[in-house]
Amino acid sequence: MIKDSRNLLERPLYSYADSDHLAQLSAGTSRRWLAGYSYRQTDGAAVSRPPVTPHPQIQMEGVSFVDLVELVAIGGLKNMGFSLLRIRRIVANCQELMGVARPLASLRFQTDAREIFVHKDGQLIEVLGKRGRQAWYEVLEPFLQTLDYERKLALACRWWPLGKDIPIVVDPNYGYGFPVIRNSGVRTEIILERFQAGELEEQIAEDFNVDRIDVERALQFELSRVRPAA
């Protein structure tokens, strides 16, 4: 059962474009951060950049739920001003200090990382600098509070993108891993499609047997995530 759960959490569920949309990243970002990339400088020299979150698994075409969780965390740090080089070093040091391959999506990160970021212990001092405490309180701790964990695997298994008090959830067990209204399995993108087709919120709620407030929350979520331009 645990093996099946792990396979589901780490199985590619999303295209890179879908991942960019869900994590609110610019087009192409998920692929670059997960697979690495290469380019040539103006003088013709080749430059290669590794994945931001390297781990021993064989990379498959597409994005898993665990990948998505990591991308959201990385995006938060990037928006705060951390360079990808520093984020790579943070991830690598957390992998070593915590002994886990996927620190940003692990239960241990939720329980132990506060000490590292707030007090800047051990190897992270040089990469966190003065912003470690700020990164924890403003970016990482609030994000971690939106996650549920599979205790035996110690991996994130569910994400509440608007917070746990809002009934929109991303769970690999429902809606093929795309956002759904809690306890219904109704995908939020379908709610948006119906609304854009001119249907009233009350009608949509009745058709799917959900509360109107849930329809409003689904629309709130979808409209807050404009799909990146290709």
Protein backbone atom coordinates (compact mmCIF):
# COMPACT_ATOMS: atom_id res chain seq x y z
CA MET A 1 0.00 0.00 0.00
CA ILE A 2 2.84 2.37 0.87
CA LYS A 3 4.56 1.57 -2.42
CA ASP A 4 1.36 2.34 -4.33
CA SER A 5 0.97 5.63 -2.47
CA ARG A 6 4.54 6.61 -3.26
CA ASN A 7 4.05 5.73 -6.92
CA LEU A 8 0.98 7.95 -7.05
CA LEU A 9 2.74 10.89 -5.38
CA GLU A 10 5.81 10.61 -7.61
CA ARG A 11 4.10 9.61 -10.85
CA PRO A 12 3.98 12.29 -13.60
CA LEU A 13 0.46 13.70 -13.44
CA TYR A 14 0.91 17.12 -15.00
CA SER A 15 2.39 18.53 -18.15
CA TYR A 16 5.04 21.19 -17.65
CA ALA A 17 2.51 23.78 -18.83
CA ASP A 18 -0.07 22.58 -16.30
CA SER A 19 2.57 22.74 -13.57
CA ASP A 20 3.51 26.31 -14.51
CA HIS A 21 -0.16 27.21 -14.28
CA LEU A 22 -0.79 25.56 -10.92
CA ALA A 23 2.41 26.85 -9.30
CA GLN A 24 1.97 30.32 -10.85
CA LEU A 25 5.27 30.22 -12.70
CA SER A 26 6.16 31.74 -16.04
CA ALA A 27 5.97 29.47 -19.08
CA GLY A 28 8.81 26.96 -19.28
CA THR A 29 9.92 27.40 -15.67
CA SER A 30 8.88 23.96 -14.40
CA ARG A 31 10.87 22.19 -17.10
CA ARG A 32 13.99 24.28 -16.45
CA TRP A 33 13.88 23.86 -12.67
CA LEU A 34 13.14 20.13 -12.72
CA ALA A 35 15.21 18.98 -15.69
CA GLY A 36 17.95 21.59 -15.86
CA TYR A 37 18.86 23.42 -19.05
CA SER A 38 21.72 24.44 -21.32
CA TYR A 39 22.41 27.52 -23.41
CA ARG A 40 25.23 29.26 -25.25
CA GLN A 41 26.68 32.59 -24.26
CA THR A 42 27.32 35.35 -26.77
CA ASP A 43 30.90 34.15 -27.16
CA GLY A 44 29.67 30.67 -28.08
CA ALA A 45 30.61 29.02 -24.78
CA ALA A 46 28.16 26.34 -23.63
CA VAL A 47 26.61 26.77 -20.18
CA SER A 48 24.71 24.00 -18.40
CA ARG A 49 22.51 24.39 -15.32
CA PRO A 50 21.46 21.37 -13.22
CA PRO A 51 17.97 20.78 -11.76
CA VAL A 52 17.13 22.94 -8.75
CA THR A 53 15.98 19.90 -6.78
CA PRO A 54 18.18 17.00 -7.85
CA HIS A 55 17.24 13.60 -6.47
CA PRO A 56 18.12 10.01 -7.31
CA GLN A 57 14.90 9.19 -9.13
CA ILE A 58 15.00 8.87 -12.90
CA GLN A 59 13.40 11.97 -14.34
CA MET A 60 10.31 11.22 -16.42
CA GLU A 61 8.57 13.48 -18.87
CA GLY A 62 6.09 15.43 -16.83
CA VAL A 63 5.61 16.66 -13.28
CA SER A 64 4.58 14.66 -10.22
CA PHE A 65 2.63 15.94 -7.23
CA VAL A 66 5.82 15.96 -5.12
CA ASP A 67 7.57 17.92 -7.90
CA LEU A 68 4.70 20.42 -7.89
CA VAL A 69 5.02 20.97 -4.14
CA GLU A 70 8.74 21.63 -4.52
CA LEU A 71 8.13 24.03 -7.40
CA VAL A 72 5.72 26.11 -5.33
CA ALA A 73 8.26 26.37 -2.50
CA ILE A 74 11.08 27.26 -4.90
CA GLY A 75 8.88 29.86 -6.57
CA GLY A 76 8.23 31.48 -3.20
CA LEU A 77 11.94 31.71 -2.43
CA LYS A 78 12.69 33.02 -5.93
CA ASN A 79 10.03 35.72 -5.60
CA MET A 80 11.65 36.74 -2.34
CA GLY A 81 14.93 37.37 -4.12
CA PHE A 82 16.89 34.16 -3.60
CA SER A 83 18.89 33.23 -6.69
CA LEU A 84 18.56 29.76 -8.16
CA LEU A 85 22.18 29.13 -7.20
CA ARG A 86 21.39 29.83 -3.55
CA ILE A 87 18.21 27.76 -3.70
CA ARG A 88 20.15 24.83 -5.18
CA ARG A 89 22.60 25.06 -2.30
CA ILE A 90 19.80 25.31 0.26
CA VAL A 91 18.16 22.18 -1.15
CA ALA A 92 21.46 20.28 -1.31
CA ASN A 93 22.33 21.20 2.28
CA CYS A 94 18.86 20.26 3.52
CA GLN A 95 19.18 16.91 1.74
CA GLU A 96 22.43 16.31 3.61
CA LEU A 97 21.40 17.67 7.01
CA MET A 98 18.00 15.97 7.06
CA GLY A 99 18.91 12.80 5.21
CA VAL A 100 15.94 13.06 2.82
CA ALA A 101 15.91 13.19 -0.97
CA ARG A 102 12.94 15.57 -1.30
CA PRO A 103 13.33 18.02 1.61
CA LEU A 104 10.90 20.70 0.42
CA ALA A 105 8.09 18.12 0.25
CA SER A 106 9.01 16.08 3.31
CA LEU A 107 7.36 15.92 6.71
CA ARG A 108 10.76 16.33 8.32
CA PHE A 109 11.23 19.68 6.57
CA GLN A 110 7.96 20.86 8.11
CA THR A 111 9.00 19.80 11.59
CA ASP A 112 12.75 20.51 11.61
CA ALA A 113 13.52 23.24 9.07
CA ARG A 114 12.35 26.10 11.28
CA GLU A 115 15.40 25.60 13.48
CA ILE A 116 17.67 25.74 10.45
CA PHE A 117 16.14 28.79 8.82
CA VAL A 118 15.46 30.83 11.94
CA HIS A 119 18.71 30.09 13.77
CA LYS A 120 20.85 29.46 10.67
CA ASP A 121 22.62 26.46 12.14
CA GLY A 122 25.22 24.33 10.38
CA GLN A 123 25.92 24.46 6.66
CA LEU A 124 23.08 26.78 5.70
CA ILE A 125 24.59 29.89 7.31
CA GLU A 126 26.50 30.83 4.16
CA VAL A 127 23.52 30.49 1.82
CA LEU A 128 20.77 31.87 4.01
CA GLY A 129 22.51 35.01 5.20
CA LYS A 130 20.30 37.53 6.93
CA ARG A 131 17.24 36.48 4.96
CA GLY A 132 16.84 32.98 6.34
CA ARG A 133 14.49 34.02 9.13
CA GLN A 134 12.46 36.21 6.79
CA ALA A 135 12.24 33.41 4.20
CA TRP A 136 10.93 31.03 6.82
CA TYR A 137 8.27 33.27 8.31
CA GLU A 138 7.09 34.94 5.09
CA VAL A 139 7.38 32.13 2.54
CA LEU A 140 8.06 28.63 3.81
CA GLU A 141 6.09 28.35 7.04
CA PRO A 142 2.86 29.73 5.51
CA PHE A 143 3.25 27.38 2.53
CA LEU A 144 3.91 24.33 4.70
CA GLN A 145 0.71 25.02 6.59
CA THR A 146 -1.21 24.38 3.35
CA LEU A 147 0.13 20.81 3.05
CA ASP A 148 -1.06 17.48 4.43
CA TYR A 149 1.37 14.57 4.73
CA GLU A 150 1.29 10.82 4.24
CA ARG A 151 2.79 9.91 7.61
CA LYS A 152 4.33 6.57 6.70
CA LEU A 153 6.00 7.97 3.60
CA ALA A 154 6.71 11.33 5.28
CA LEU A 155 5.86 13.08 2.01
CA ALA A 156 3.34 15.78 1.17
CA CYS A 157 0.19 14.14 -0.19
CA ARG A 158 -2.32 16.99 -0.37
CA TRP A 159 -2.12 20.75 -1.03
CA TRP A 160 -4.72 23.36 -0.10
CA PRO A 161 -3.60 26.22 -2.37
CA LEU A 162 -5.85 28.86 -0.78
CA GLY A 163 -5.37 27.54 2.75
CA LYS A 164 -7.10 24.74 4.63
CA ASP A 165 -10.14 26.88 5.44
CA ILE A 166 -10.95 27.16 1.72
CA PRO A 167 -12.46 23.98 0.17
CA ILE A 168 -10.12 23.74 -2.84
CA VAL A 169 -7.62 20.89 -2.74
CA VAL A 170 -4.95 19.35 -4.97
CA ASP A 171 -4.84 15.62 -4.23
CA PRO A 172 -3.42 12.92 -6.55
CA ASN A 173 -6.29 10.65 -5.50
CA TYR A 174 -8.97 12.92 -7.02
CA GLY A 175 -9.46 14.65 -10.34
CA TYR A 176 -6.24 13.16 -11.74
CA GLY A 177 -4.33 15.41 -9.37
CA PHE A 178 -5.91 18.65 -10.57
CA PRO A 179 -7.64 21.06 -8.15
CA VAL A 180 -11.08 19.94 -7.02
CA ILE A 181 -13.76 21.08 -4.63
CA ARG A 182 -13.30 19.18 -1.37
CA ASN A 183 -15.50 16.09 -0.86
CA SER A 184 -16.90 16.31 -4.39
CA GLY A 185 -14.16 15.50 -6.90
CA VAL A 186 -15.44 18.32 -9.14
CA ARG A 187 -12.48 19.97 -10.87
CA THR A 188 -12.27 23.71 -10.50
CA GLU A 189 -11.41 24.17 -14.18
CA ILE A 190 -14.77 22.62 -15.09
CA ILE A 191 -16.51 25.12 -12.82
CA LEU A 192 -14.70 27.94 -14.62
CA GLU A 193 -15.62 26.55 -18.05
CA ARG A 194 -19.30 26.39 -17.10
CA PHE A 195 -19.20 29.92 -15.67
CA GLN A 196 -17.48 31.31 -18.77
CA ALA A 197 -20.15 29.63 -20.89
CA GLY A 198 -22.69 31.87 -19.18
CA GLU A 199 -24.14 29.60 -16.51
CA LEU A 200 -25.10 31.09 -13.16
CA GLU A 201 -23.32 30.06 -9.97
CA GLU A 202 -26.56 28.73 -8.51
CA GLN A 203 -27.13 26.50 -11.54
CA ILE A 204 -23.58 25.16 -11.45
CA ALA A 205 -23.86 24.43 -7.74
CA GLU A 206 -27.13 22.55 -8.23
CA ASP A 207 -25.80 20.50 -11.16
CA PHE A 208 -22.77 19.32 -9.19
CA ASN A 209 -24.55 19.08 -5.82
CA VAL A 210 -22.14 21.48 -4.11
CA ASP A 211 -22.68 24.68 -2.14
CA ARG A 212 -22.72 27.96 -4.02
CA ILE A 213 -19.89 29.24 -1.80
CA ASP A 214 -17.79 26.31 -3.04
CA VAL A 215 -18.45 27.36 -6.61
CA GLU A 216 -17.37 30.90 -5.72
CA ARG A 217 -14.17 29.58 -4.14
CA ALA A 218 -13.44 27.45 -7.20
CA LEU A 219 -13.81 30.49 -9.43
CA GLN A 220 -11.65 32.52 -7.06
CA PHE A 221 -8.92 29.92 -7.36
CA GLU A 222 -9.05 29.59 -11.13
CA LEU A 223 -9.21 33.32 -11.78
CA SER A 224 -6.21 33.89 -9.50
CA ARG A 225 -4.10 31.65 -11.75
CA VAL A 226 -3.95 33.09 -15.23
CA ARG A 227 -2.34 30.48 -17.47
CA PRO A 228 1.16 31.63 -18.51
CA ALA A 229 1.62 32.61 -22.12
CA ALA A 230 3.45 30.00 -24.16
